[in-house]
Amino acid sequence: MRSWLEQHRAGNGSAFVAKYKVHRLVCLESYENPEDAMRREKQFKNWKRDWKIQLIENGNPEWADLSHLILES
């Protein structure tokens, strides 16, 4: 079975990824517990697109793929 990252890059498992063909991880945050991560994800869903772009550009101005950070941990 392929890893979730390979599935994501192939457009499987996520309707959003399949529809918009986004395959790079450009923003990454880590949390101590799942509840905090879920709370943050819900915040993002209410954000305007411009706010999300600003968050990415503040932490990753080149929009580099950060997936290697997950694979190293």
PDB file of N, CA and C in Angstrom:
ATOM      1  N   MET A   1       0.837  -1.188   0.000  1.00  0.00           N
ATOM      2  CA  MET A   1       0.000   0.000   0.000  1.00  0.00           C
ATOM      3  C   MET A   1       0.882   1.252   0.000  1.00  0.00           C
ATOM      4  N   ARG A   2       0.520   2.227  -0.776  1.00  0.00           N
ATOM      5  CA  ARG A   2       1.296   3.455  -0.866  1.00  0.00           C
ATOM      6  C   ARG A   2       1.079   4.318   0.369  1.00  0.00           C
ATOM      7  N   SER A   3       2.061   5.149   0.651  1.00  0.00           N
ATOM      8  CA  SER A   3       1.954   6.048   1.791  1.00  0.00           C
ATOM      9  C   SER A   3       0.892   7.099   1.518  1.00  0.00           C
ATOM     10  N   TRP A   4       0.426   7.746   2.575  1.00  0.00           N
ATOM     11  CA  TRP A   4      -0.596   8.793   2.416  1.00  0.00           C
ATOM     12  C   TRP A   4      -0.050   9.938   1.576  1.00  0.00           C
ATOM     13  N   LEU A   5       1.263  10.201   1.643  1.00  0.00           N
ATOM     14  CA  LEU A   5       1.845  11.274   0.838  1.00  0.00           C
ATOM     15  C   LEU A   5       1.798  10.916  -0.653  1.00  0.00           C
ATOM     16  N   GLU A   6       2.105   9.687  -0.981  1.00  0.00           N
ATOM     17  CA  GLU A   6       2.018   9.249  -2.371  1.00  0.00           C
ATOM     18  C   GLU A   6       0.586   9.296  -2.867  1.00  0.00           C
ATOM     19  N   GLN A   7      -0.359   8.900  -2.014  1.00  0.00           N
ATOM     20  CA  GLN A   7      -1.775   8.958  -2.383  1.00  0.00           C
ATOM     21  C   GLN A   7      -2.198  10.402  -2.630  1.00  0.00           C
ATOM     22  N   HIS A   8      -1.761  11.299  -1.766  1.00  0.00           N
ATOM     23  CA  HIS A   8      -2.081  12.716  -1.903  1.00  0.00           C
ATOM     24  C   HIS A   8      -1.549  13.252  -3.236  1.00  0.00           C
ATOM     25  N   ARG A   9      -0.306  12.957  -3.544  1.00  0.00           N
ATOM     26  CA  ARG A   9       0.308  13.455  -4.781  1.00  0.00           C
ATOM     27  C   ARG A   9      -0.355  12.868  -6.024  1.00  0.00           C
ATOM     28  N   ALA A  10      -0.921  11.674  -5.890  1.00  0.00           N
ATOM     29  CA  ALA A  10      -1.621  11.055  -7.017  1.00  0.00           C
ATOM     30  C   ALA A  10      -3.055  11.570  -7.142  1.00  0.00           C
ATOM     31  N   GLY A  11      -3.511  12.370  -6.159  1.00  0.00           N
ATOM     32  CA  GLY A  11      -4.865  12.913  -6.199  1.00  0.00           C
ATOM     33  C   GLY A  11      -5.906  11.971  -5.639  1.00  0.00           C
ATOM     34  N   ASN A  12      -5.468  10.958  -4.912  1.00  0.00           N
ATOM     35  CA  ASN A  12      -6.403   9.990  -4.317  1.00  0.00           C
ATOM     36  C   ASN A  12      -6.657  10.327  -2.859  1.00  0.00           C
ATOM     37  N   GLY A  13      -7.861  10.076  -2.409  1.00  0.00           N
ATOM     38  CA  GLY A  13      -8.173  10.246  -0.995  1.00  0.00           C
ATOM     39  C   GLY A  13      -8.629  11.635  -0.601  1.00  0.00           C
ATOM     40  N   SER A  14      -8.537  12.597  -1.513  1.00  0.00           N
ATOM     41  CA  SER A  14      -8.962  13.956  -1.202  1.00  0.00           C
ATOM     42  C   SER A  14      -9.623  14.557  -2.428  1.00  0.00           C
ATOM     43  N   ALA A  15     -10.882  14.905  -2.305  1.00  0.00           N
ATOM     44  CA  ALA A  15     -11.601  15.516  -3.424  1.00  0.00           C
ATOM     45  C   ALA A  15     -10.985  16.865  -3.785  1.00  0.00           C
ATOM     46  N   PHE A  16     -10.536  17.606  -2.787  1.00  0.00           N
ATOM     47  CA  PHE A  16      -9.930  18.917  -3.030  1.00  0.00           C
ATOM     48  C   PHE A  16      -8.660  18.782  -3.862  1.00  0.00           C
ATOM     49  N   VAL A  17      -7.800  17.855  -3.473  1.00  0.00           N
ATOM     50  CA  VAL A  17      -6.540  17.644  -4.193  1.00  0.00           C
ATOM     51  C   VAL A  17      -6.819  17.184  -5.620  1.00  0.00           C
ATOM     52  N   ALA A  18      -7.753  16.281  -5.788  1.00  0.00           N
ATOM     53  CA  ALA A  18      -8.075  15.786  -7.117  1.00  0.00           C
ATOM     54  C   ALA A  18      -8.646  16.897  -7.999  1.00  0.00           C
ATOM     55  N   LYS A  19      -9.493  17.734  -7.440  1.00  0.00           N
ATOM     56  CA  LYS A  19     -10.137  18.796  -8.215  1.00  0.00           C
ATOM     57  C   LYS A  19      -9.158  19.905  -8.599  1.00  0.00           C
ATOM     58  N   TYR A  20      -8.354  20.358  -7.635  1.00  0.00           N
ATOM     59  CA  TYR A  20      -7.494  21.518  -7.863  1.00  0.00           C
ATOM     60  C   TYR A  20      -6.043  21.167  -8.199  1.00  0.00           C
ATOM     61  N   LYS A  21      -5.715  19.881  -8.164  1.00  0.00           N
ATOM     62  CA  LYS A  21      -4.383  19.406  -8.530  1.00  0.00           C
ATOM     63  C   LYS A  21      -3.266  20.095  -7.732  1.00  0.00           C
ATOM     64  N   VAL A  22      -3.466  20.194  -6.438  1.00  0.00           N
ATOM     65  CA  VAL A  22      -2.437  20.750  -5.559  1.00  0.00           C
ATOM     66  C   VAL A  22      -1.653  19.587  -4.963  1.00  0.00           C
ATOM     67  N   HIS A  23      -0.349  19.627  -5.128  1.00  0.00           N
ATOM     68  CA  HIS A  23       0.471  18.485  -4.724  1.00  0.00           C
ATOM     69  C   HIS A  23       1.660  18.856  -3.857  1.00  0.00           C
ATOM     70  N   ARG A  24       1.809  20.123  -3.515  1.00  0.00           N
ATOM     71  CA  ARG A  24       2.919  20.549  -2.665  1.00  0.00           C
ATOM     72  C   ARG A  24       2.405  20.905  -1.281  1.00  0.00           C
ATOM     73  N   LEU A  25       3.166  20.544  -0.295  1.00  0.00           N
ATOM     74  CA  LEU A  25       2.886  20.941   1.080  1.00  0.00           C
ATOM     75  C   LEU A  25       3.666  22.230   1.321  1.00  0.00           C
ATOM     76  N   VAL A  26       2.959  23.362   1.443  1.00  0.00           N
ATOM     77  CA  VAL A  26       3.635  24.652   1.551  1.00  0.00           C
ATOM     78  C   VAL A  26       3.494  25.290   2.932  1.00  0.00           C
ATOM     79  N   CYS A  27       2.691  24.694   3.783  1.00  0.00           N
ATOM     80  CA  CYS A  27       2.516  25.213   5.138  1.00  0.00           C
ATOM     81  C   CYS A  27       2.396  24.014   6.084  1.00  0.00           C
ATOM     82  N   LEU A  28       3.118  24.090   7.178  1.00  0.00           N
ATOM     83  CA  LEU A  28       3.149  22.963   8.097  1.00  0.00           C
ATOM     84  C   LEU A  28       3.195  23.486   9.523  1.00  0.00           C
ATOM     85  N   GLU A  29       2.293  23.013  10.349  1.00  0.00           N
ATOM     86  CA  GLU A  29       2.284  23.334  11.771  1.00  0.00           C
ATOM     87  C   GLU A  29       2.147  22.032  12.540  1.00  0.00           C
ATOM     88  N   SER A  30       2.793  21.946  13.679  1.00  0.00           N
ATOM     89  CA  SER A  30       2.673  20.734  14.490  1.00  0.00           C
ATOM     90  C   SER A  30       2.076  21.095  15.845  1.00  0.00           C
ATOM     91  N   TYR A  31       1.372  20.155  16.407  1.00  0.00           N
ATOM     92  CA  TYR A  31       0.680  20.347  17.681  1.00  0.00           C
ATOM     93  C   TYR A  31       0.908  19.145  18.579  1.00  0.00           C
ATOM     94  N   GLU A  32       0.850  19.392  19.864  1.00  0.00           N
ATOM     95  CA  GLU A  32       1.075  18.337  20.853  1.00  0.00           C
ATOM     96  C   GLU A  32      -0.060  17.315  20.876  1.00  0.00           C
ATOM     97  N   ASN A  33      -1.287  17.776  20.634  1.00  0.00           N
ATOM     98  CA  ASN A  33      -2.399  16.834  20.696  1.00  0.00           C
ATOM     99  C   ASN A  33      -3.371  17.070  19.538  1.00  0.00           C
ATOM    100  N   PRO A  34      -4.124  16.058  19.176  1.00  0.00           N
ATOM    101  CA  PRO A  34      -5.042  16.146  18.036  1.00  0.00           C
ATOM    102  C   PRO A  34      -6.124  17.217  18.207  1.00  0.00           C
ATOM    103  N   GLU A  35      -6.539  17.469  19.416  1.00  0.00           N
ATOM    104  CA  GLU A  35      -7.592  18.463  19.636  1.00  0.00           C
ATOM    105  C   GLU A  35      -7.129  19.853  19.200  1.00  0.00           C
ATOM    106  N   ASP A  36      -5.892  20.199  19.533  1.00  0.00           N
ATOM    107  CA  ASP A  36      -5.346  21.495  19.124  1.00  0.00           C
ATOM    108  C   ASP A  36      -5.226  21.584  17.604  1.00  0.00           C
ATOM    109  N   ALA A  37      -4.790  20.508  16.979  1.00  0.00           N
ATOM    110  CA  ALA A  37      -4.660  20.483  15.525  1.00  0.00           C
ATOM    111  C   ALA A  37      -6.021  20.635  14.854  1.00  0.00           C
ATOM    112  N   MET A  38      -7.015  19.974  15.366  1.00  0.00           N
ATOM    113  CA  MET A  38      -8.362  20.064  14.796  1.00  0.00           C
ATOM    114  C   MET A  38      -8.942  21.461  14.996  1.00  0.00           C
ATOM    115  N   ARG A  39      -8.682  22.053  16.139  1.00  0.00           N
ATOM    116  CA  ARG A  39      -9.133  23.421  16.405  1.00  0.00           C
ATOM    117  C   ARG A  39      -8.519  24.390  15.388  1.00  0.00           C
ATOM    118  N   ARG A  40      -7.234  24.229  15.125  1.00  0.00           N
ATOM    119  CA  ARG A  40      -6.545  25.091  14.160  1.00  0.00           C
ATOM    120  C   ARG A  40      -7.084  24.874  12.749  1.00  0.00           C
ATOM    121  N   GLU A  41      -7.323  23.629  12.393  1.00  0.00           N
ATOM    122  CA  GLU A  41      -7.865  23.334  11.063  1.00  0.00           C
ATOM    123  C   GLU A  41      -9.232  24.000  10.876  1.00  0.00           C
ATOM    124  N   LYS A  42     -10.043  23.991  11.905  1.00  0.00           N
ATOM    125  CA  LYS A  42     -11.355  24.646  11.823  1.00  0.00           C
ATOM    126  C   LYS A  42     -11.199  26.155  11.676  1.00  0.00           C
ATOM    127  N   GLN A  43     -10.174  26.730  12.304  1.00  0.00           N
ATOM    128  CA  GLN A  43      -9.909  28.153  12.126  1.00  0.00           C
ATOM    129  C   GLN A  43      -9.605  28.451  10.659  1.00  0.00           C
ATOM    130  N   PHE A  44      -8.763  27.633  10.049  1.00  0.00           N
ATOM    131  CA  PHE A  44      -8.392  27.841   8.652  1.00  0.00           C
ATOM    132  C   PHE A  44      -9.597  27.819   7.726  1.00  0.00           C
ATOM    133  N   LYS A  45     -10.544  26.974   8.030  1.00  0.00           N
ATOM    134  CA  LYS A  45     -11.718  26.865   7.169  1.00  0.00           C
ATOM    135  C   LYS A  45     -12.517  28.161   7.140  1.00  0.00           C
ATOM    136  N   ASN A  46     -12.376  28.988   8.168  1.00  0.00           N
ATOM    137  CA  ASN A  46     -13.083  30.264   8.222  1.00  0.00           C
ATOM    138  C   ASN A  46     -12.255  31.433   7.705  1.00  0.00           C
ATOM    139  N   TRP A  47     -10.998  31.186   7.378  1.00  0.00           N
ATOM    140  CA  TRP A  47     -10.109  32.249   6.902  1.00  0.00           C
ATOM    141  C   TRP A  47     -10.388  32.586   5.448  1.00  0.00           C
ATOM    142  N   LYS A  48     -10.135  33.841   5.114  1.00  0.00           N
ATOM    143  CA  LYS A  48     -10.188  34.267   3.718  1.00  0.00           C
ATOM    144  C   LYS A  48      -8.932  33.763   3.006  1.00  0.00           C
ATOM    145  N   ARG A  49      -9.043  33.611   1.704  1.00  0.00           N
ATOM    146  CA  ARG A  49      -7.914  33.132   0.901  1.00  0.00           C
ATOM    147  C   ARG A  49      -6.671  34.008   1.093  1.00  0.00           C
ATOM    148  N   ASP A  50      -6.860  35.334   1.111  1.00  0.00           N
ATOM    149  CA  ASP A  50      -5.724  36.249   1.285  1.00  0.00           C
ATOM    150  C   ASP A  50      -4.989  36.000   2.597  1.00  0.00           C
ATOM    151  N   TRP A  51      -5.720  35.688   3.639  1.00  0.00           N
ATOM    152  CA  TRP A  51      -5.092  35.422   4.941  1.00  0.00           C
ATOM    153  C   TRP A  51      -4.238  34.160   4.864  1.00  0.00           C
ATOM    154  N   LYS A  52      -4.763  33.149   4.184  1.00  0.00           N
ATOM    155  CA  LYS A  52      -4.021  31.896   4.042  1.00  0.00           C
ATOM    156  C   LYS A  52      -2.746  32.107   3.221  1.00  0.00           C
ATOM    157  N   ILE A  53      -2.851  32.883   2.163  1.00  0.00           N
ATOM    158  CA  ILE A  53      -1.675  33.173   1.340  1.00  0.00           C
ATOM    159  C   ILE A  53      -0.638  33.928   2.156  1.00  0.00           C
ATOM    160  N   GLN A  54      -1.082  34.888   2.955  1.00  0.00           N
ATOM    161  CA  GLN A  54      -0.148  35.649   3.795  1.00  0.00           C
ATOM    162  C   GLN A  54       0.559  34.735   4.788  1.00  0.00           C
ATOM    163  N   LEU A  55      -0.166  33.794   5.381  1.00  0.00           N
ATOM    164  CA  LEU A  55       0.441  32.845   6.315  1.00  0.00           C
ATOM    165  C   LEU A  55       1.536  32.036   5.609  1.00  0.00           C
ATOM    166  N   ILE A  56       1.232  31.548   4.419  1.00  0.00           N
ATOM    167  CA  ILE A  56       2.212  30.769   3.662  1.00  0.00           C
ATOM    168  C   ILE A  56       3.432  31.624   3.330  1.00  0.00           C
ATOM    169  N   GLU A  57       3.203  32.805   2.813  1.00  0.00           N
ATOM    170  CA  GLU A  57       4.316  33.646   2.371  1.00  0.00           C
ATOM    171  C   GLU A  57       5.169  34.157   3.530  1.00  0.00           C
ATOM    172  N   ASN A  58       4.589  34.300   4.703  1.00  0.00           N
ATOM    173  CA  ASN A  58       5.379  34.692   5.870  1.00  0.00           C
ATOM    174  C   ASN A  58       6.339  33.582   6.296  1.00  0.00           C
ATOM    175  N   GLY A  59       5.915  32.341   6.187  1.00  0.00           N
ATOM    176  CA  GLY A  59       6.743  31.220   6.626  1.00  0.00           C
ATOM    177  C   GLY A  59       7.496  30.518   5.515  1.00  0.00           C
ATOM    178  N   ASN A  60       7.051  30.697   4.275  1.00  0.00           N
ATOM    179  CA  ASN A  60       7.629  29.969   3.148  1.00  0.00           C
ATOM    180  C   ASN A  60       7.488  30.833   1.882  1.00  0.00           C
ATOM    181  N   PRO A  61       8.233  31.937   1.810  1.00  0.00           N
ATOM    182  CA  PRO A  61       8.044  32.880   0.705  1.00  0.00           C
ATOM    183  C   PRO A  61       8.287  32.286  -0.686  1.00  0.00           C
ATOM    184  N   GLU A  62       9.063  31.217  -0.781  1.00  0.00           N
ATOM    185  CA  GLU A  62       9.315  30.586  -2.080  1.00  0.00           C
ATOM    186  C   GLU A  62       8.247  29.550  -2.439  1.00  0.00           C
ATOM    187  N   TRP A  63       7.337  29.290  -1.527  1.00  0.00           N
ATOM    188  CA  TRP A  63       6.307  28.257  -1.701  1.00  0.00           C
ATOM    189  C   TRP A  63       6.960  26.897  -1.997  1.00  0.00           C
ATOM    190  N   ALA A  64       8.054  26.621  -1.311  1.00  0.00           N
ATOM    191  CA  ALA A  64       8.772  25.351  -1.484  1.00  0.00           C
ATOM    192  C   ALA A  64       7.951  24.196  -0.909  1.00  0.00           C
ATOM    193  N   ASP A  65       8.122  23.037  -1.468  1.00  0.00           N
ATOM    194  CA  ASP A  65       7.462  21.835  -0.956  1.00  0.00           C
ATOM    195  C   ASP A  65       8.120  21.440   0.371  1.00  0.00           C
ATOM    196  N   LEU A  66       7.355  21.370   1.432  1.00  0.00           N
ATOM    197  CA  LEU A  66       7.865  21.065   2.759  1.00  0.00           C
ATOM    198  C   LEU A  66       7.635  19.612   3.173  1.00  0.00           C
ATOM    199  N   SER A  67       7.204  18.780   2.259  1.00  0.00           N
ATOM    200  CA  SER A  67       6.884  17.389   2.614  1.00  0.00           C
ATOM    201  C   SER A  67       8.086  16.637   3.167  1.00  0.00           C
ATOM    202  N   HIS A  68       9.302  17.050   2.792  1.00  0.00           N
ATOM    203  CA  HIS A  68      10.494  16.378   3.317  1.00  0.00           C
ATOM    204  C   HIS A  68      10.576  16.528   4.849  1.00  0.00           C
ATOM    205  N   LEU A  69       9.977  17.565   5.398  1.00  0.00           N
ATOM    206  CA  LEU A  69       9.999  17.758   6.853  1.00  0.00           C
ATOM    207  C   LEU A  69       9.181  16.689   7.569  1.00  0.00           C
ATOM    208  N   ILE A  70       8.146  16.222   6.926  1.00  0.00           N
ATOM    209  CA  ILE A  70       7.334  15.140   7.497  1.00  0.00           C
ATOM    210  C   ILE A  70       8.086  13.825   7.394  1.00  0.00           C
ATOM    211  N   LEU A  71       8.701  13.587   6.260  1.00  0.00           N
ATOM    212  CA  LEU A  71       9.396  12.326   6.029  1.00  0.00           C
ATOM    213  C   LEU A  71      10.616  12.171   6.938  1.00  0.00           C
ATOM    214  N   GLU A  72      11.203  13.294   7.365  1.00  0.00           N
ATOM    215  CA  GLU A  72      12.382  13.246   8.225  1.00  0.00           C
ATOM    216  C   GLU A  72      12.024  13.008   9.694  1.00  0.00           C
ATOM    217  N   SER A  73      10.782  13.307  10.065  1.00  0.00           N
ATOM    218  CA  SER A  73      10.413  13.186  11.490  1.00  0.00           C
ATOM    219  C   SER A  73       9.971  11.796  11.852  1.00  0.00           C
TER     220      SER A  73
END
